[in-house]
């Protein structure tokens, strides 16, 4: 029992440290090693930087990051999270098919909400640019899934909203035209749970990683043209928007052939 309570207290302590991180500040603020920022995504494995609060060293310690077949990239990007399992897209480098091949697994979400402010306008109140979520998922090594969306002008500063104001924005979502949008996302850790050293338990850590990765010029960090649509990325400890609870389905036989482009 003492061991259990110790584990619970340690978990709460870590959550408090993560949640207290300054919004919009240094993504490495909670990392105990000051050198991790300088070595992020430099292609060399730094063991002391592999913890989630140190942004997993930009995944430099992965022996094999894999690659998405050049003939599949267009297909996987356009068929991301379409509720159909495409085995040819079932890898971290191809975005894990938006978790479409993991619907028979119990949900495993990172705690909190990941917020994405973009230059992409909503169309009839809907965000239809799956290619942006695909690109971010390939960076994060695990899928991102929509919890909600609202129009938000690009001139707005995402980091000036407190969690209650963000909840109010989503609850009072208008259909007004805007040149930008705010996406409320959940980090789906089902695919990365097969290799836990790539998972981020908290949305705040995942957001810090994406902020660092999208601003990096290091060769080992993938770059996608879709990422230019991002204005800012933020994580909060609160759960904002409905969770997408995929039904746990019986594992079905899927099309084992790679997609044809």
Protein backbone atom coordinates (compact mmCIF):
# COMPACT_ATOMS: atom_id res chain seq x y z
CA UNK A 1 0.00 0.00 0.00
CA UNK A 2 2.86 2.36 0.85
CA UNK A 3 4.43 1.66 -2.55
CA UNK A 4 1.10 2.43 -4.25
CA UNK A 5 0.66 5.74 -2.43
CA UNK A 6 4.25 6.69 -3.18
CA UNK A 7 3.65 6.05 -6.89
CA UNK A 8 0.43 8.11 -6.78
CA UNK A 9 2.16 11.03 -5.04
CA UNK A 10 5.06 10.95 -7.48
CA UNK A 11 2.60 10.98 -10.37
CA UNK A 12 0.71 13.94 -8.88
CA UNK A 13 3.96 15.78 -8.26
CA UNK A 14 5.01 15.32 -11.89
CA UNK A 15 1.58 16.40 -13.15
CA UNK A 16 1.81 19.58 -11.06
CA UNK A 17 5.27 20.37 -12.44
CA UNK A 18 4.09 19.82 -16.01
CA UNK A 19 0.90 21.84 -15.51
CA UNK A 20 2.87 24.70 -13.95
CA UNK A 21 5.06 25.11 -17.02
CA UNK A 22 4.85 28.66 -18.37
CA UNK A 23 2.46 28.85 -21.35
CA UNK A 24 4.38 29.92 -24.42
CA UNK A 25 7.70 29.77 -22.59
CA UNK A 26 10.72 27.55 -23.09
CA UNK A 27 9.58 24.03 -24.11
CA UNK A 28 12.47 22.64 -22.04
CA UNK A 29 11.49 24.55 -18.86
CA UNK A 30 10.75 21.33 -16.94
CA UNK A 31 13.82 19.44 -18.18
CA UNK A 32 16.48 19.06 -15.48
CA UNK A 33 19.34 18.98 -18.01
CA UNK A 34 20.20 22.32 -19.59
CA UNK A 35 22.06 20.72 -22.50
CA UNK A 36 18.97 18.98 -23.94
CA UNK A 37 17.80 22.09 -25.76
CA UNK A 38 21.11 22.34 -27.61
CA UNK A 39 21.17 18.66 -28.59
CA UNK A 40 17.48 18.26 -29.54
CA UNK A 41 17.13 16.51 -32.90
CA UNK A 42 20.83 16.68 -33.68
CA UNK A 43 20.97 13.03 -34.77
CA UNK A 44 23.02 11.94 -31.75
CA UNK A 45 21.50 9.98 -28.85
CA UNK A 46 21.72 11.78 -25.51
CA UNK A 47 20.42 9.35 -22.89
CA UNK A 48 19.87 12.03 -20.25
CA UNK A 49 17.44 13.81 -22.60
CA UNK A 50 15.08 10.92 -23.34
CA UNK A 51 12.45 11.70 -20.67
CA UNK A 52 9.19 13.27 -21.91
CA UNK A 53 9.85 16.56 -20.10
CA UNK A 54 13.13 16.74 -22.05
CA UNK A 55 11.17 16.14 -25.28
CA UNK A 56 12.58 12.65 -25.89
CA UNK A 57 15.79 14.10 -27.34
CA UNK A 58 13.87 14.66 -30.57
CA UNK A 59 13.68 10.84 -30.88
CA UNK A 60 17.40 10.74 -31.61
CA UNK A 61 17.72 7.56 -29.50
CA UNK A 62 15.35 5.59 -31.70
CA UNK A 63 17.41 2.98 -33.50
CA UNK A 64 15.09 2.98 -36.46
CA UNK A 65 12.58 5.78 -37.03
CA UNK A 66 11.43 4.03 -40.19
CA UNK A 67 10.29 5.86 -43.27
CA UNK A 68 7.06 6.20 -45.17
CA UNK A 69 7.36 4.78 -48.68
CA UNK A 70 7.44 7.72 -51.06
CA UNK A 71 4.66 6.12 -53.06
CA UNK A 72 2.41 5.98 -49.97
CA UNK A 73 2.89 9.45 -48.50
CA UNK A 74 0.20 11.13 -50.61
CA UNK A 75 -2.27 8.30 -49.97
CA UNK A 76 -1.63 8.13 -46.20
CA UNK A 77 -1.89 11.89 -45.86
CA UNK A 78 -5.22 12.03 -47.71
CA UNK A 79 -6.71 8.98 -45.96
CA UNK A 80 -5.64 9.84 -42.43
CA UNK A 81 -8.23 8.87 -39.78
CA UNK A 82 -10.91 7.90 -42.29
CA UNK A 83 -12.14 4.98 -40.11
CA UNK A 84 -10.70 2.38 -42.48
CA UNK A 85 -7.51 0.47 -41.66
CA UNK A 86 -4.90 0.86 -44.41
CA UNK A 87 -2.03 -1.44 -43.46
CA UNK A 88 0.36 0.42 -45.76
CA UNK A 89 -0.05 3.50 -43.53
CA UNK A 90 0.29 1.60 -40.25
CA UNK A 91 3.64 2.96 -39.05
CA UNK A 92 4.90 5.98 -37.11
CA UNK A 93 6.49 7.47 -40.23
CA UNK A 94 3.18 7.19 -42.09
CA UNK A 95 1.11 8.61 -39.20
CA UNK A 96 -0.23 5.28 -37.87
CA UNK A 97 -3.17 5.70 -40.27
CA UNK A 98 -4.73 8.06 -37.72
CA UNK A 99 -5.28 5.08 -35.35
CA UNK A 100 -7.68 3.46 -37.80
CA UNK A 101 -5.92 0.11 -37.27
CA UNK A 102 -6.14 0.41 -33.46
CA UNK A 103 -9.89 0.60 -33.05
CA UNK A 104 -9.87 -2.82 -31.36
CA UNK A 105 -7.60 -1.46 -28.59
CA UNK A 106 -8.88 0.26 -25.47
CA UNK A 107 -8.45 4.08 -25.49
CA UNK A 108 -5.13 5.35 -24.15
CA UNK A 109 -5.09 9.15 -24.21
CA UNK A 110 -2.45 11.57 -22.97
CA UNK A 111 -3.80 13.63 -20.06
CA UNK A 112 -5.02 17.08 -21.00
CA UNK A 113 -5.77 18.81 -24.30
CA UNK A 114 -3.48 19.86 -27.14
CA UNK A 115 -4.47 23.13 -28.81
CA UNK A 116 -3.50 24.02 -32.36
CA UNK A 117 -4.01 27.53 -33.77
CA UNK A 118 -3.83 27.47 -37.57
CA UNK A 119 -4.19 29.63 -40.66
CA UNK A 120 -6.64 27.06 -42.03
CA UNK A 121 -10.23 28.37 -42.03
CA UNK A 122 -13.11 26.09 -41.12
CA UNK A 123 -15.41 25.13 -43.98
CA UNK A 124 -19.05 25.21 -42.91
CA UNK A 125 -17.90 24.84 -39.32
CA UNK A 126 -15.73 21.81 -40.09
CA UNK A 127 -11.97 21.30 -40.24
CA UNK A 128 -11.27 19.20 -43.32
CA UNK A 129 -7.48 19.50 -43.58
CA UNK A 130 -6.46 16.00 -42.47
CA UNK A 131 -3.02 16.45 -44.04
CA UNK A 132 -1.98 18.88 -41.28
CA UNK A 133 -2.92 16.40 -38.54
CA UNK A 134 -1.09 13.68 -40.48
CA UNK A 135 2.09 15.78 -40.67
CA UNK A 136 1.99 16.54 -36.93
CA UNK A 137 1.36 12.88 -36.12
CA UNK A 138 4.44 11.81 -38.06
CA UNK A 139 6.49 14.27 -36.00
CA UNK A 140 4.97 13.12 -32.71
CA UNK A 141 5.24 9.41 -33.59
CA UNK A 142 1.63 8.90 -32.50
CA UNK A 143 -1.72 10.17 -33.83
CA UNK A 144 -3.62 13.34 -33.02
CA UNK A 145 -7.41 13.24 -33.11
CA UNK A 146 -9.95 16.05 -33.12
CA UNK A 147 -11.98 16.84 -29.98
CA UNK A 148 -13.49 20.08 -31.25
CA UNK A 149 -12.86 23.15 -33.39
CA UNK A 150 -13.76 26.83 -33.50
CA UNK A 151 -12.93 29.75 -35.79
CA UNK A 152 -10.12 31.91 -34.36
CA UNK A 153 -8.59 34.88 -36.10
CA UNK A 154 -4.84 34.52 -36.77
CA UNK A 155 -4.21 37.81 -34.93
CA UNK A 156 -5.35 36.31 -31.61
CA UNK A 157 -2.74 35.11 -29.14
CA UNK A 158 -3.58 31.55 -28.06
CA UNK A 159 -1.54 31.89 -24.88
CA UNK A 160 -3.65 34.75 -23.50
CA UNK A 161 -6.68 32.48 -23.00
CA UNK A 162 -7.09 30.70 -19.69
CA UNK A 163 -8.62 27.18 -19.64
CA UNK A 164 -12.09 28.45 -18.73
CA UNK A 165 -12.05 30.92 -21.62
CA UNK A 166 -10.97 28.12 -23.94
CA UNK A 167 -13.88 25.97 -22.74
CA UNK A 168 -16.24 28.90 -23.32
CA UNK A 169 -14.88 29.38 -26.84
CA UNK A 170 -15.67 25.78 -27.69
CA UNK A 171 -19.07 25.80 -25.98
CA UNK A 172 -20.12 28.99 -27.77
CA UNK A 173 -18.57 28.14 -31.11
CA UNK A 174 -19.87 30.48 -33.78
CA UNK A 175 -20.16 29.94 -37.50
CA UNK A 176 -18.56 33.31 -38.24
CA UNK A 177 -16.08 33.35 -41.06
CA UNK A 178 -12.46 33.59 -40.01
CA UNK A 179 -9.10 33.19 -41.69
CA UNK A 180 -7.96 30.90 -38.90
CA UNK A 181 -9.08 28.07 -36.66
CA UNK A 182 -8.42 26.64 -33.22
CA UNK A 183 -8.36 22.85 -32.94
CA UNK A 184 -8.84 20.97 -29.68
CA UNK A 185 -6.93 17.73 -30.02
CA UNK A 186 -6.32 14.54 -28.08
CA UNK A 187 -3.02 12.66 -28.21
CA UNK A 188 -3.74 8.99 -28.91
CA UNK A 189 -1.05 6.87 -27.25
CA UNK A 190 -2.36 3.49 -28.41
CA UNK A 191 0.13 3.10 -31.30
CA UNK A 192 3.16 4.46 -29.45
CA UNK A 193 2.43 2.27 -26.40
CA UNK A 194 4.21 -0.54 -28.27
CA UNK A 195 7.36 1.53 -27.79
CA UNK A 196 6.66 3.55 -24.59
CA UNK A 197 9.88 5.55 -24.90
CA UNK A 198 8.19 7.50 -27.71
CA UNK A 199 4.96 8.34 -25.81
CA UNK A 200 4.13 11.61 -24.08
CA UNK A 201 1.87 10.98 -21.04
CA UNK A 202 0.70 14.61 -20.96
CA UNK A 203 -0.63 16.85 -23.72
CA UNK A 204 1.52 19.70 -22.37
CA UNK A 205 4.68 17.67 -23.04
CA UNK A 206 3.45 16.68 -26.50
CA UNK A 207 2.72 20.35 -27.30
CA UNK A 208 6.18 21.38 -26.08
CA UNK A 209 7.71 18.73 -28.35
CA UNK A 210 5.73 19.94 -31.37
CA UNK A 211 6.65 23.58 -30.68
CA UNK A 212 10.31 22.59 -30.56
CA UNK A 213 10.12 20.30 -33.60
CA UNK A 214 8.23 22.75 -35.83
CA UNK A 215 10.75 25.49 -35.11
CA UNK A 216 13.80 23.25 -35.52
CA UNK A 217 16.11 23.36 -38.51
CA UNK A 218 17.90 20.14 -37.56
CA UNK A 219 18.23 17.58 -40.35
CA UNK A 220 16.93 14.70 -38.22
CA UNK A 221 13.58 16.45 -37.61
CA UNK A 222 11.14 15.79 -40.50
CA UNK A 223 9.78 18.80 -42.31
CA UNK A 224 6.44 18.93 -44.11
CA UNK A 225 5.01 21.88 -46.10
CA UNK A 226 1.68 21.44 -44.24
CA UNK A 227 3.34 22.65 -41.03
CA UNK A 228 3.54 26.20 -42.40
CA UNK A 229 -0.17 26.54 -41.60
CA UNK A 230 0.56 26.44 -37.85
CA UNK A 231 0.42 29.67 -35.86
CA UNK A 232 0.99 28.21 -32.39
CA UNK A 233 0.74 24.99 -30.36
CA UNK A 234 -0.19 24.80 -26.69
CA UNK A 235 -0.99 22.09 -24.17
CA UNK A 236 -3.24 22.44 -21.11
CA UNK A 237 -3.86 20.05 -18.23
CA UNK A 238 -7.64 20.39 -18.49
CA UNK A 239 -9.82 18.11 -20.62
CA UNK A 240 -11.55 20.42 -23.09
CA UNK A 241 -13.96 18.97 -25.64
CA UNK A 242 -15.40 15.50 -25.90
CA UNK A 243 -13.15 12.50 -25.95
CA UNK A 244 -13.45 10.43 -29.10
CA UNK A 245 -14.06 7.04 -27.55
CA UNK A 246 -13.53 4.54 -30.33
CA UNK A 247 -15.59 1.42 -29.67
CA UNK A 248 -13.39 -1.54 -28.85
CA UNK A 249 -14.11 -3.70 -31.85
CA UNK A 250 -13.37 -7.31 -32.57
CA UNK A 251 -10.15 -7.45 -34.53
CA UNK A 252 -11.11 -7.78 -38.15
CA UNK A 253 -9.07 -9.00 -41.04
CA UNK A 254 -7.87 -5.93 -42.87
CA UNK A 255 -6.53 -5.36 -46.32
CA UNK A 256 -2.90 -6.36 -45.98
CA UNK A 257 -1.99 -4.86 -49.32
CA UNK A 258 -0.31 -1.49 -49.46
CA UNK A 259 -2.42 1.38 -50.79
CA UNK A 260 -2.15 2.05 -54.48
CA UNK A 261 -1.45 5.60 -55.55
